[in-house]
Structure formats: structure tokens, C-alpha cells
Amino acid sequence: MPQLDTSTWLIMIMSMFLALFIIFQLKISKHNFYFNPEPTPTKTQKQNTPWETKWTKIYLPLLLPQ
């Protein structure tokens, strides 16, 4: 059974990595990036819940004198 010739594998693997690196660099270079991104302010709407507008009974015993 003949032996497998692995002398050219290193050259093939290195050239594959080089080609992949060049392809990805070309793909990334086509993207447009903003120079100074500004956060957009979001408006939050306050919702009135029933326990915010009225006094609840749980707090009353803490404030009353003993």
C-alpha cells in the first residue's frame, strides 16, 4: 500500500487561509460604518397604575404611632 504524500498539504492550507482572509477583507471593506454614532432618544410613556394614585393599606400601620 503506497504512502500518502503530505508534502504539499502545508502550502495548500496556507494558501486557503490567505484566500479566505482576502475574501473576508473584501467583503468587510464594502460595508458602510458611521463615524460618530449617536444614540436615538426613545420616548417612554408613563402608565398610571392603580397603586401609584392611591394610598395603600400596607403603609398605614408603619406610620401610625403605637
Protein backbone atom coordinates (compact mmCIF):
# COMPACT_ATOMS: atom_id res chain seq x y z
CA MET A 1 0.00 0.00 0.00
CA PRO A 2 1.58 3.31 -1.05
CA GLN A 3 2.10 6.08 1.49
CA LEU A 4 0.12 9.29 1.31
CA ASP A 5 2.19 12.24 0.13
CA THR A 6 1.61 15.07 2.61
CA SER A 7 4.41 17.39 1.49
CA THR A 8 2.07 19.82 -0.29
CA TRP A 9 -0.58 20.00 2.44
CA LEU A 10 1.07 22.88 4.28
CA ILE A 11 1.19 25.01 1.12
CA MET A 12 -2.44 24.21 0.31
CA ILE A 13 -3.66 25.02 3.84
CA MET A 14 -1.70 28.27 4.00
CA SER A 15 -2.94 29.38 0.57
CA MET A 16 -6.50 28.53 1.59
CA PHE A 17 -6.20 30.71 4.72
CA LEU A 18 -4.71 33.53 2.68
CA ALA A 19 -7.53 33.33 0.12
CA LEU A 20 -10.19 33.28 2.86
CA PHE A 21 -8.57 36.25 4.58
CA ILE A 22 -8.54 38.26 1.34
CA ILE A 23 -12.16 37.36 0.56
CA PHE A 24 -13.37 38.38 4.02
CA GLN A 25 -11.38 41.61 3.90
CA LEU A 26 -13.01 42.50 0.60
CA LYS A 27 -16.46 41.70 1.98
CA ILE A 28 -15.93 43.74 5.15
CA SER A 29 -14.48 46.72 3.26
CA LYS A 30 -17.75 47.15 1.33
CA HIS A 31 -19.76 47.89 4.50
CA ASN A 32 -20.51 51.49 5.40
CA PHE A 33 -19.88 52.31 9.05
CA TYR A 34 -20.99 55.51 10.76
CA PHE A 35 -18.17 57.70 12.02
CA ASN A 36 -19.89 59.00 15.16
CA PRO A 37 -23.00 57.01 16.07
CA GLU A 38 -25.48 58.98 18.18
CA PRO A 39 -27.99 57.18 20.41
CA THR A 40 -31.55 57.93 19.43
CA PRO A 41 -33.68 59.09 22.36
CA THR A 42 -36.68 56.91 22.99
CA LYS A 43 -39.85 58.37 24.45
CA THR A 44 -41.23 56.33 27.29
CA GLN A 45 -44.89 56.70 28.11
CA LYS A 46 -45.73 56.70 31.79
CA GLN A 47 -48.65 54.47 32.58
CA ASN A 48 -50.64 55.27 35.68
CA THR A 49 -51.20 52.17 37.72
CA PRO A 50 -53.86 51.98 40.45
CA TRP A 51 -51.35 51.62 43.29
CA GLU A 52 -49.50 54.81 42.31
CA THR A 53 -52.51 57.09 42.56
CA LYS A 54 -53.96 55.95 45.90
CA TRP A 55 -52.61 55.25 49.35
CA THR A 56 -52.48 51.57 50.09
CA LYS A 57 -53.22 49.93 53.42
CA ILE A 58 -49.85 48.25 53.73
CA TYR A 59 -48.08 51.52 54.50
CA LEU A 60 -50.57 52.78 57.07
CA PRO A 61 -49.52 50.64 60.07
CA LEU A 62 -45.91 51.72 59.68
CA LEU A 63 -46.74 55.40 60.03
CA LEU A 64 -49.28 55.21 62.85
CA PRO A 65 -48.00 55.69 66.42
CA GLN A 66 -48.08 52.61 68.59
